Amino acid sequence: MMIKTVHAIFDGKVFYPNEPVELEINGLYVLNIEPVKKMKSIQTGKNGESDTAFDLSSLAVKTDITDFASEHDHYLYGISKRESND
């Protein structure tokens, strides 16, 4: 019998593994639950900003393109710009 440690997040109903797992689909497994202190502090919401999901602004890139939001298809996929109603 092989024992495997998998870190997962529990959303109230389902455990979601943080990494891919090679297990038989619909297989029957026994889970031994041990809280991880670091994850527990994030889940309690005392400092939600410490979670990287709340720090999306750190991924932003300054482009100086003023119509990027309205013309994102043009810049991402190269399609023609929409007709402007200016």
Protein backbone atom coordinates (compact mmCIF):
# COMPACT_ATOMS: atom_id res chain seq x y z
CA MET A 1 0.00 0.00 0.00
CA MET A 2 1.37 3.40 -1.02
CA ILE A 3 0.68 6.48 1.13
CA LYS A 4 0.79 9.79 -0.72
CA THR A 5 0.70 13.29 0.76
CA VAL A 6 -1.38 15.76 -1.23
CA HIS A 7 -1.96 19.39 -0.27
CA ALA A 8 -5.51 20.48 -1.00
CA ILE A 9 -7.96 23.30 -0.39
CA PHE A 10 -11.41 22.57 1.03
CA ASP A 11 -14.21 24.83 -0.25
CA GLY A 12 -16.85 23.61 2.19
CA LYS A 13 -17.89 20.63 0.09
CA VAL A 14 -14.97 19.41 -2.00
CA PHE A 15 -11.20 19.02 -1.58
CA TYR A 16 -9.22 20.45 -4.52
CA PRO A 17 -5.61 19.23 -4.77
CA ASN A 18 -2.96 21.91 -5.32
CA GLU A 19 -1.09 19.68 -7.74
CA PRO A 20 -2.04 16.92 -10.20
CA VAL A 21 -2.65 13.51 -8.61
CA GLU A 22 -2.46 10.12 -10.26
CA LEU A 23 -5.37 8.26 -8.69
CA GLU A 24 -7.97 5.92 -10.10
CA ILE A 25 -11.08 7.90 -11.04
CA ASN A 26 -14.03 6.90 -8.82
CA GLY A 27 -11.59 4.95 -6.64
CA LEU A 28 -12.32 4.71 -2.93
CA TYR A 29 -9.74 6.42 -0.72
CA VAL A 30 -9.26 7.23 2.96
CA LEU A 31 -8.28 10.83 3.73
CA ASN A 32 -6.36 11.73 6.89
CA ILE A 33 -6.86 15.47 7.35
CA GLU A 34 -4.11 17.59 8.90
CA PRO A 35 -4.44 21.40 8.77
CA VAL A 36 -1.49 23.37 7.46
CA LYS A 37 -0.89 26.45 9.63
CA LYS A 38 0.04 28.71 6.72
CA MET A 39 -3.10 27.86 4.73
CA LYS A 40 -5.28 28.06 7.84
CA SER A 41 -4.26 31.69 8.48
CA ILE A 42 -5.15 32.64 4.89
CA GLN A 43 -8.51 30.88 5.03
CA THR A 44 -9.56 32.61 8.25
CA GLY A 45 -9.45 35.89 6.33
CA LYS A 46 -7.53 37.85 8.99
CA ASN A 47 -5.26 39.17 6.26
CA GLY A 48 -6.75 38.17 2.93
CA GLU A 49 -4.36 40.50 1.15
CA SER A 50 -1.51 38.10 1.97
CA ASP A 51 -3.07 35.60 -0.44
CA THR A 52 -1.47 35.97 -3.88
CA ALA A 53 -4.92 35.81 -5.50
CA PHE A 54 -5.62 39.22 -3.95
CA ASP A 55 -2.41 40.69 -5.37
CA LEU A 56 -3.38 40.67 -9.06
CA SER A 57 -2.29 44.27 -9.46
CA SER A 58 1.31 43.12 -9.07
CA LEU A 59 0.92 41.36 -12.43
CA ALA A 60 -0.28 44.50 -14.25
CA VAL A 61 1.82 45.89 -17.07
CA LYS A 62 1.82 49.60 -17.97
CA THR A 63 1.08 49.84 -21.72
CA ASP A 64 -0.05 53.47 -22.19
CA ILE A 65 -2.67 52.16 -24.65
CA THR A 66 -5.72 54.30 -23.90
CA ASP A 67 -8.26 52.11 -25.72
CA PHE A 68 -6.96 48.73 -24.56
CA ALA A 69 -10.14 47.82 -22.67
CA SER A 70 -12.49 48.57 -25.55
CA GLU A 71 -10.16 47.25 -28.27
CA HIS A 72 -8.60 44.25 -26.49
CA ASP A 73 -9.53 41.90 -29.38
CA HIS A 74 -7.52 44.09 -31.75
CA TYR A 75 -4.43 44.07 -29.53
CA LEU A 76 -4.66 40.40 -28.49
CA TYR A 77 -5.83 38.75 -31.70
CA GLY A 78 -5.02 41.27 -34.43
CA ILE A 79 -8.59 41.76 -35.65
CA SER A 80 -9.68 45.13 -37.03
CA LYS A 81 -10.58 47.85 -34.57
CA ARG A 82 -14.27 48.60 -34.00
CA GLU A 83 -15.73 51.71 -35.54
CA SER A 84 -15.46 54.56 -33.08
CA ASN A 85 -18.49 56.67 -32.20
CA ASP A 86 -16.33 59.61 -31.05
